[in-house]
PDB file of N, CA and C in Angstrom:
ATOM      1  N   MET A   1     250.254  56.589  35.454  1.00  0.00           N
ATOM      2  CA  MET A   1     249.955  55.465  34.597  1.00  0.00           C
ATOM      3  C   MET A   1     248.452  55.324  34.381  1.00  0.00           C
ATOM      4  N   PHE A   2     247.672  55.591  35.409  1.00  0.00           N
ATOM      5  CA  PHE A   2     246.219  55.554  35.255  1.00  0.00           C
ATOM      6  C   PHE A   2     245.754  56.582  34.237  1.00  0.00           C
ATOM      7  N   TYR A   3     246.387  57.738  34.238  1.00  0.00           N
ATOM      8  CA  TYR A   3     246.009  58.799  33.310  1.00  0.00           C
ATOM      9  C   TYR A   3     246.200  58.348  31.856  1.00  0.00           C
ATOM     10  N   THR A   4     247.275  57.659  31.573  1.00  0.00           N
ATOM     11  CA  THR A   4     247.546  57.195  30.211  1.00  0.00           C
ATOM     12  C   THR A   4     246.491  56.185  29.769  1.00  0.00           C
ATOM     13  N   HIS A   5     246.156  55.224  30.602  1.00  0.00           N
ATOM     14  CA  HIS A   5     245.156  54.223  30.246  1.00  0.00           C
ATOM     15  C   HIS A   5     243.776  54.867  30.080  1.00  0.00           C
ATOM     16  N   GLN A   6     243.455  55.805  30.956  1.00  0.00           N
ATOM     17  CA  GLN A   6     242.162  56.472  30.873  1.00  0.00           C
ATOM     18  C   GLN A   6     242.072  57.289  29.589  1.00  0.00           C
ATOM     19  N   THR A   7     243.125  57.972  29.214  1.00  0.00           N
ATOM     20  CA  THR A   7     243.121  58.772  27.997  1.00  0.00           C
ATOM     21  C   THR A   7     242.956  57.891  26.768  1.00  0.00           C
ATOM     22  N   LEU A   8     243.636  56.781  26.717  1.00  0.00           N
ATOM     23  CA  LEU A   8     243.513  55.876  25.580  1.00  0.00           C
ATOM     24  C   LEU A   8     242.113  55.264  25.513  1.00  0.00           C
ATOM     25  N   TYR A   9     241.550  54.974  26.659  1.00  0.00           N
ATOM     26  CA  TYR A   9     240.214  54.389  26.718  1.00  0.00           C
ATOM     27  C   TYR A   9     239.165  55.379  26.204  1.00  0.00           C
ATOM     28  N   ILE A  10     239.262  56.623  26.641  1.00  0.00           N
ATOM     29  CA  ILE A  10     238.303  57.645  26.206  1.00  0.00           C
ATOM     30  C   ILE A  10     238.448  57.897  24.716  1.00  0.00           C
ATOM     31  N   PHE A  11     239.664  57.960  24.216  1.00  0.00           N
ATOM     32  CA  PHE A  11     239.886  58.220  22.794  1.00  0.00           C
ATOM     33  C   PHE A  11     239.302  57.098  21.938  1.00  0.00           C
ATOM     34  N   SER A  12     239.415  55.849  22.390  1.00  0.00           N
ATOM     35  CA  SER A  12     238.850  54.720  21.645  1.00  0.00           C
ATOM     36  C   SER A  12     237.338  54.811  21.569  1.00  0.00           C
ATOM     37  N   HIS A  13     236.703  55.210  22.645  1.00  0.00           N
ATOM     38  CA  HIS A  13     235.244  55.341  22.642  1.00  0.00           C
ATOM     39  C   HIS A  13     234.786  56.502  21.771  1.00  0.00           C
ATOM     40  N   ARG A  14     235.596  57.536  21.684  1.00  0.00           N
ATOM     41  CA  ARG A  14     235.239  58.649  20.809  1.00  0.00           C
ATOM     42  C   ARG A  14     235.237  58.193  19.353  1.00  0.00           C
ATOM     43  N   ILE A  15     236.193  57.361  18.986  1.00  0.00           N
ATOM     44  CA  ILE A  15     236.262  56.843  17.620  1.00  0.00           C
ATOM     45  C   ILE A  15     235.112  55.876  17.358  1.00  0.00           C
ATOM     46  N   LEU A  16     234.826  54.991  18.314  1.00  0.00           N
ATOM     47  CA  LEU A  16     233.748  54.021  18.133  1.00  0.00           C
ATOM     48  C   LEU A  16     232.377  54.685  18.083  1.00  0.00           C
ATOM     49  N   GLY A  17     232.188  55.746  18.837  1.00  0.00           N
ATOM     50  CA  GLY A  17     230.897  56.416  18.880  1.00  0.00           C
ATOM     51  C   GLY A  17     230.675  57.413  17.764  1.00  0.00           C
ATOM     52  N   ASN A  18     231.711  57.694  16.999  1.00  0.00           N
ATOM     53  CA  ASN A  18     231.605  58.671  15.923  1.00  0.00           C
ATOM     54  C   ASN A  18     230.942  58.025  14.711  1.00  0.00           C
ATOM     55  N   ALA A  19     229.826  58.578  14.300  1.00  0.00           N
ATOM     56  CA  ALA A  19     229.092  58.017  13.160  1.00  0.00           C
ATOM     57  C   ALA A  19     229.845  58.289  11.865  1.00  0.00           C
ATOM     58  N   PRO A  20     229.724  57.405  10.887  1.00  0.00           N
ATOM     59  CA  PRO A  20     230.387  57.640   9.602  1.00  0.00           C
ATOM     60  C   PRO A  20     229.773  58.836   8.882  1.00  0.00           C
ATOM     61  N   ASP A  21     230.547  59.440   7.985  1.00  0.00           N
ATOM     62  CA  ASP A  21     230.080  60.617   7.260  1.00  0.00           C
ATOM     63  C   ASP A  21     228.871  60.329   6.381  1.00  0.00           C
ATOM     64  N   SER A  22     228.671  59.078   5.983  1.00  0.00           N
ATOM     65  CA  SER A  22     227.524  58.741   5.142  1.00  0.00           C
ATOM     66  C   SER A  22     226.203  58.939   5.877  1.00  0.00           C
ATOM     67  N   SER A  23     226.216  58.897   7.211  1.00  0.00           N
ATOM     68  CA  SER A  23     224.983  59.093   7.978  1.00  0.00           C
ATOM     69  C   SER A  23     224.661  60.570   8.173  1.00  0.00           C
ATOM     70  N   ASN A  24     225.572  61.466   7.799  1.00  0.00           N
ATOM     71  CA  ASN A  24     225.325  62.891   7.960  1.00  0.00           C
ATOM     72  C   ASN A  24     224.158  63.370   7.114  1.00  0.00           C
ATOM     73  N   VAL A  25     223.960  62.787   5.950  1.00  0.00           N
ATOM     74  CA  VAL A  25     222.866  63.213   5.083  1.00  0.00           C
ATOM     75  C   VAL A  25     221.524  62.941   5.762  1.00  0.00           C
ATOM     76  N   ILE A  26     221.375  61.764   6.330  1.00  0.00           N
ATOM     77  CA  ILE A  26     220.132  61.414   7.030  1.00  0.00           C
ATOM     78  C   ILE A  26     219.921  62.339   8.221  1.00  0.00           C
ATOM     79  N   LEU A  27     220.972  62.576   8.978  1.00  0.00           N
ATOM     80  CA  LEU A  27     220.876  63.459  10.143  1.00  0.00           C
ATOM     81  C   LEU A  27     220.526  64.879   9.719  1.00  0.00           C
ATOM     82  N   ASN A  28     221.165  65.377   8.670  1.00  0.00           N
ATOM     83  CA  ASN A  28     220.906  66.745   8.221  1.00  0.00           C
ATOM     84  C   ASN A  28     219.486  66.916   7.701  1.00  0.00           C
ATOM     85  N   VAL A  29     218.982  65.945   6.972  1.00  0.00           N
ATOM     86  CA  VAL A  29     217.606  66.022   6.474  1.00  0.00           C
ATOM     87  C   VAL A  29     216.621  65.993   7.638  1.00  0.00           C
ATOM     88  N   THR A  30     216.871  65.135   8.617  1.00  0.00           N
ATOM     89  CA  THR A  30     216.011  65.064   9.795  1.00  0.00           C
ATOM     90  C   THR A  30     216.022  66.383  10.560  1.00  0.00           C
ATOM     91  N   LEU A  31     217.199  66.945  10.761  1.00  0.00           N
ATOM     92  CA  LEU A  31     217.293  68.220  11.470  1.00  0.00           C
ATOM     93  C   LEU A  31     216.640  69.349  10.682  1.00  0.00           C
ATOM     94  N   LEU A  32     216.734  69.315   9.365  1.00  0.00           N
ATOM     95  CA  LEU A  32     216.089  70.331   8.542  1.00  0.00           C
ATOM     96  C   LEU A  32     214.570  70.243   8.648  1.00  0.00           C
ATOM     97  N   ILE A  33     214.032  69.036   8.668  1.00  0.00           N
ATOM     98  CA  ILE A  33     212.589  68.846   8.843  1.00  0.00           C
ATOM     99  C   ILE A  33     212.151  69.353  10.214  1.00  0.00           C
ATOM    100  N   VAL A  34     212.935  69.052  11.243  1.00  0.00           N
ATOM    101  CA  VAL A  34     212.617  69.529  12.597  1.00  0.00           C
ATOM    102  C   VAL A  34     212.685  71.054  12.651  1.00  0.00           C
ATOM    103  N   LEU A  35     213.677  71.641  12.008  1.00  0.00           N
ATOM    104  CA  LEU A  35     213.808  73.097  11.971  1.00  0.00           C
ATOM    105  C   LEU A  35     212.588  73.743  11.313  1.00  0.00           C
ATOM    106  N   ILE A  36     212.158  73.195  10.202  1.00  0.00           N
ATOM    107  CA  ILE A  36     210.978  73.721   9.504  1.00  0.00           C
ATOM    108  C   ILE A  36     209.728  73.580  10.377  1.00  0.00           C
ATOM    109  N   ALA A  37     209.593  72.442  11.047  1.00  0.00           N
ATOM    110  CA  ALA A  37     208.434  72.225  11.923  1.00  0.00           C
ATOM    111  C   ALA A  37     208.436  73.216  13.087  1.00  0.00           C
ATOM    112  N   PHE A  38     209.590  73.469  13.686  1.00  0.00           N
ATOM    113  CA  PHE A  38     209.663  74.413  14.795  1.00  0.00           C
ATOM    114  C   PHE A  38     209.384  75.839  14.330  1.00  0.00           C
ATOM    115  N   CYS A  39     209.874  76.193  13.150  1.00  0.00           N
ATOM    116  CA  CYS A  39     209.584  77.524  12.605  1.00  0.00           C
ATOM    117  C   CYS A  39     208.086  77.686  12.355  1.00  0.00           C
ATOM    118  N   ALA A  40     207.473  76.667  11.787  1.00  0.00           N
ATOM    119  CA  ALA A  40     206.029  76.712  11.541  1.00  0.00           C
ATOM    120  C   ALA A  40     205.258  76.823  12.858  1.00  0.00           C
ATOM    121  N   GLU A  41     205.698  76.085  13.865  1.00  0.00           N
ATOM    122  CA  GLU A  41     205.033  76.153  15.171  1.00  0.00           C
ATOM    123  C   GLU A  41     205.124  77.558  15.757  1.00  0.00           C
ATOM    124  N   GLY A  42     206.298  78.175  15.669  1.00  0.00           N
ATOM    125  CA  GLY A  42     206.463  79.534  16.194  1.00  0.00           C
ATOM    126  C   GLY A  42     205.596  80.539  15.474  1.00  0.00           C
ATOM    127  N   ILE A  43     205.494  80.416  14.160  1.00  0.00           N
ATOM    128  CA  ILE A  43     204.659  81.326  13.382  1.00  0.00           C
ATOM    129  C   ILE A  43     203.186  81.128  13.723  1.00  0.00           C
ATOM    130  N   ILE A  44     202.764  79.883  13.795  1.00  0.00           N
ATOM    131  CA  ILE A  44     201.366  79.592  14.116  1.00  0.00           C
ATOM    132  C   ILE A  44     201.015  80.071  15.522  1.00  0.00           C
ATOM    133  N   LEU A  45     201.888  79.803  16.499  1.00  0.00           N
ATOM    134  CA  LEU A  45     201.621  80.248  17.868  1.00  0.00           C
ATOM    135  C   LEU A  45     201.568  81.773  17.968  1.00  0.00           C
ATOM    136  N   SER A  46     202.358  82.465  17.156  1.00  0.00           N
ATOM    137  CA  SER A  46     202.339  83.927  17.189  1.00  0.00           C
ATOM    138  C   SER A  46     200.991  84.482  16.760  1.00  0.00           C
ATOM    139  N   PHE A  47     200.323  83.794  15.845  1.00  0.00           N
ATOM    140  CA  PHE A  47     199.010  84.247  15.383  1.00  0.00           C
ATOM    141  C   PHE A  47     197.871  83.746  16.263  1.00  0.00           C
ATOM    142  N   VAL A  48     198.010  82.557  16.819  1.00  0.00           N
ATOM    143  CA  VAL A  48     196.893  81.919  17.520  1.00  0.00           C
ATOM    144  C   VAL A  48     196.857  82.257  19.006  1.00  0.00           C
ATOM    145  N   GLN A  49     198.002  82.248  19.659  1.00  0.00           N
ATOM    146  CA  GLN A  49     198.025  82.428  21.116  1.00  0.00           C
ATOM    147  C   GLN A  49     198.287  83.896  21.460  1.00  0.00           C
ATOM    148  N   ASP A  50     197.376  84.484  22.205  1.00  0.00           N
ATOM    149  CA  ASP A  50     197.523  85.885  22.615  1.00  0.00           C
ATOM    150  C   ASP A  50     198.721  86.044  23.548  1.00  0.00           C
ATOM    151  N   GLY A  51     199.545  87.046  23.279  1.00  0.00           N
ATOM    152  CA  GLY A  51     200.678  87.356  24.130  1.00  0.00           C
ATOM    153  C   GLY A  51     201.906  86.491  23.910  1.00  0.00           C
ATOM    154  N   TYR A  52     201.869  85.596  22.950  1.00  0.00           N
ATOM    155  CA  TYR A  52     203.027  84.714  22.722  1.00  0.00           C
ATOM    156  C   TYR A  52     204.169  85.470  22.053  1.00  0.00           C
ATOM    157  N   PHE A  53     203.849  86.246  21.005  1.00  0.00           N
ATOM    158  CA  PHE A  53     204.889  86.960  20.269  1.00  0.00           C
ATOM    159  C   PHE A  53     205.568  87.987  21.173  1.00  0.00           C
ATOM    160  N   GLY A  54     206.886  87.875  21.309  1.00  0.00           N
ATOM    161  CA  GLY A  54     207.661  88.776  22.153  1.00  0.00           C
ATOM    162  C   GLY A  54     207.755  88.351  23.599  1.00  0.00           C
ATOM    163  N   SER A  55     207.078  87.274  23.975  1.00  0.00           N
ATOM    164  CA  SER A  55     207.124  86.820  25.364  1.00  0.00           C
ATOM    165  C   SER A  55     208.405  86.036  25.638  1.00  0.00           C
ATOM    166  N   PHE A  56     208.592  85.685  26.886  1.00  0.00           N
ATOM    167  CA  PHE A  56     209.747  84.879  27.283  1.00  0.00           C
ATOM    168  C   PHE A  56     209.771  83.552  26.525  1.00  0.00           C
ATOM    169  N   PHE A  57     208.622  82.917  26.412  1.00  0.00           N
ATOM    170  CA  PHE A  57     208.552  81.620  25.736  1.00  0.00           C
ATOM    171  C   PHE A  57     208.831  81.756  24.242  1.00  0.00           C
ATOM    172  N   PHE A  58     208.425  82.856  23.650  1.00  0.00           N
ATOM    173  CA  PHE A  58     208.733  83.111  22.242  1.00  0.00           C
ATOM    174  C   PHE A  58     210.240  83.165  22.029  1.00  0.00           C
ATOM    175  N   TRP A  59     210.932  83.917  22.882  1.00  0.00           N
ATOM    176  CA  TRP A  59     212.384  84.054  22.720  1.00  0.00           C
ATOM    177  C   TRP A  59     213.117  82.751  23.043  1.00  0.00           C
ATOM    178  N   MET A  60     212.651  81.996  24.005  1.00  0.00           N
ATOM    179  CA  MET A  60     213.285  80.703  24.291  1.00  0.00           C
ATOM    180  C   MET A  60     213.071  79.726  23.136  1.00  0.00           C
ATOM    181  N   ASP A  61     211.887  79.721  22.559  1.00  0.00           N
ATOM    182  CA  ASP A  61     211.629  78.875  21.390  1.00  0.00           C
ATOM    183  C   ASP A  61     212.472  79.316  20.197  1.00  0.00           C
ATOM    184  N   THR A  62     212.631  80.624  20.026  1.00  0.00           N
ATOM    185  CA  THR A  62     213.436  81.140  18.920  1.00  0.00           C
ATOM    186  C   THR A  62     214.903  80.750  19.077  1.00  0.00           C
ATOM    187  N   ILE A  63     215.437  80.894  20.279  1.00  0.00           N
ATOM    188  CA  ILE A  63     216.831  80.514  20.528  1.00  0.00           C
ATOM    189  C   ILE A  63     217.021  79.013  20.314  1.00  0.00           C
ATOM    190  N   GLY A  64     216.087  78.212  20.808  1.00  0.00           N
ATOM    191  CA  GLY A  64     216.174  76.764  20.627  1.00  0.00           C
ATOM    192  C   GLY A  64     216.096  76.365  19.163  1.00  0.00           C
ATOM    193  N   THR A  65     215.228  77.038  18.413  1.00  0.00           N
ATOM    194  CA  THR A  65     215.092  76.741  16.989  1.00  0.00           C
ATOM    195  C   THR A  65     216.342  77.139  16.235  1.00  0.00           C
ATOM    196  N   LEU A  66     216.893  78.304  16.540  1.00  0.00           N
ATOM    197  CA  LEU A  66     218.105  78.755  15.853  1.00  0.00           C
ATOM    198  C   LEU A  66     219.321  77.896  16.193  1.00  0.00           C
ATOM    199  N   SER A  67     219.311  77.282  17.377  1.00  0.00           N
ATOM    200  CA  SER A  67     220.450  76.425  17.743  1.00  0.00           C
ATOM    201  C   SER A  67     220.525  75.174  16.871  1.00  0.00           C
ATOM    202  N   ILE A  68     219.408  74.797  16.281  1.00  0.00           N
ATOM    203  CA  ILE A  68     219.415  73.646  15.374  1.00  0.00           C
ATOM    204  C   ILE A  68     220.276  73.937  14.155  1.00  0.00           C
ATOM    205  N   LEU A  69     220.371  75.206  13.761  1.00  0.00           N
ATOM    206  CA  LEU A  69     221.181  75.582  12.597  1.00  0.00           C
ATOM    207  C   LEU A  69     222.640  75.151  12.759  1.00  0.00           C
ATOM    208  N   LEU A  70     223.155  75.205  13.978  1.00  0.00           N
ATOM    209  CA  LEU A  70     224.552  74.834  14.205  1.00  0.00           C
ATOM    210  C   LEU A  70     224.779  73.332  14.139  1.00  0.00           C
ATOM    211  N   ASP A  71     223.718  72.543  14.226  1.00  0.00           N
ATOM    212  CA  ASP A  71     223.840  71.094  14.127  1.00  0.00           C
ATOM    213  C   ASP A  71     223.800  70.599  12.688  1.00  0.00           C
ATOM    214  N   ILE A  72     223.249  71.386  11.785  1.00  0.00           N
ATOM    215  CA  ILE A  72     223.176  70.999  10.374  1.00  0.00           C
ATOM    216  C   ILE A  72     224.522  71.316   9.736  1.00  0.00           C
ATOM    217  N   THR A  73     225.206  70.292   9.242  1.00  0.00           N
ATOM    218  CA  THR A  73     226.583  70.487   8.766  1.00  0.00           C
ATOM    219  C   THR A  73     226.663  71.379   7.545  1.00  0.00           C
ATOM    220  N   TRP A  74     225.627  71.369   6.704  1.00  0.00           N
ATOM    221  CA  TRP A  74     225.650  72.252   5.527  1.00  0.00           C
ATOM    222  C   TRP A  74     225.706  73.708   5.950  1.00  0.00           C
ATOM    223  N   ILE A  75     225.063  74.036   7.035  1.00  0.00           N
ATOM    224  CA  ILE A  75     225.010  75.413   7.512  1.00  0.00           C
ATOM    225  C   ILE A  75     226.193  75.720   8.423  1.00  0.00           C
ATOM    226  N   SER A  76     226.519  74.804   9.331  1.00  0.00           N
ATOM    227  CA  SER A  76     227.600  75.072  10.281  1.00  0.00           C
ATOM    228  C   SER A  76     228.961  75.172   9.597  1.00  0.00           C
ATOM    229  N   ASN A  77     229.152  74.503   8.474  1.00  0.00           N
ATOM    230  CA  ASN A  77     230.422  74.614   7.765  1.00  0.00           C
ATOM    231  C   ASN A  77     230.663  76.022   7.231  1.00  0.00           C
ATOM    232  N   SER A  78     229.603  76.775   6.989  1.00  0.00           N
ATOM    233  CA  SER A  78     229.781  78.155   6.538  1.00  0.00           C
ATOM    234  C   SER A  78     230.162  79.077   7.696  1.00  0.00           C
ATOM    235  N   PHE A  79     229.811  78.692   8.942  1.00  0.00           N
ATOM    236  CA  PHE A  79     230.176  79.488  10.114  1.00  0.00           C
ATOM    237  C   PHE A  79     231.551  79.123  10.652  1.00  0.00           C
ATOM    238  N   ILE A  80     231.891  77.842  10.600  1.00  0.00           N
ATOM    239  CA  ILE A  80     233.132  77.341  11.186  1.00  0.00           C
ATOM    240  C   ILE A  80     234.095  77.014  10.054  1.00  0.00           C
ATOM    241  N   PRO A  81     235.191  77.750   9.922  1.00  0.00           N
ATOM    242  CA  PRO A  81     236.127  77.486   8.831  1.00  0.00           C
ATOM    243  C   PRO A  81     236.857  76.156   9.019  1.00  0.00           C
ATOM    244  N   ASP A  82     237.352  75.606   7.920  1.00  0.00           N
ATOM    245  CA  ASP A  82     238.087  74.346   7.966  1.00  0.00           C
ATOM    246  C   ASP A  82     239.374  74.512   8.762  1.00  0.00           C
ATOM    247  N   GLY A  83     239.768  73.446   9.442  1.00  0.00           N
ATOM    248  CA  GLY A  83     241.033  73.456  10.188  1.00  0.00           C
ATOM    249  C   GLY A  83     240.931  74.047  11.581  1.00  0.00           C
ATOM    250  N   THR A  84     239.723  74.330  12.062  1.00  0.00           N
ATOM    251  CA  THR A  84     239.595  74.895  13.412  1.00  0.00           C
ATOM    252  C   THR A  84     239.343  73.845  14.478  1.00  0.00           C
ATOM    253  N   ILE A  85     239.217  72.593  14.090  1.00  0.00           N
ATOM    254  CA  ILE A  85     238.990  71.531  15.057  1.00  0.00           C
ATOM    255  C   ILE A  85     240.313  71.193  15.749  1.00  0.00           C
ATOM    256  N   ALA A  86     240.290  71.186  17.047  1.00  0.00           N
ATOM    257  CA  ALA A  86     241.510  70.887  17.818  1.00  0.00           C
ATOM    258  C   ALA A  86     241.870  69.410  17.652  1.00  0.00           C
ATOM    259  N   THR A  87     243.141  69.144  17.493  1.00  0.00           N
ATOM    260  CA  THR A  87     243.598  67.768  17.371  1.00  0.00           C
ATOM    261  C   THR A  87     244.244  67.338  18.663  1.00  0.00           C
ATOM    262  N   GLN A  88     244.148  66.055  18.928  1.00  0.00           N
ATOM    263  CA  GLN A  88     244.757  65.515  20.138  1.00  0.00           C
ATOM    264  C   GLN A  88     246.092  64.919  19.773  1.00  0.00           C
ATOM    265  N   GLY A  89     247.101  65.241  20.513  1.00  0.00           N
ATOM    266  CA  GLY A  89     248.389  64.650  20.204  1.00  0.00           C
ATOM    267  C   GLY A  89     249.455  65.330  20.835  1.00  0.00           C
TER     268      GLY A  89
END
């Protein structure tokens, strides 16, 4: 019985915490600006800081910057086909 109440409670919070689709545009524009800023930072650091290009920090920054692509819905929708989201029920 505890499991049933806990499941219903978690599901309600998931619905309440889910932002409306109208806010996706603001989020996507913000993430796109951050992506551009991080790309510019990586390019500038490659020219200015000796030993940065190809270093461990370069690759960690590159991976972190590329991970932003999966958060932008315009881009992630091309990677993730429709209907792949698991449904609860």
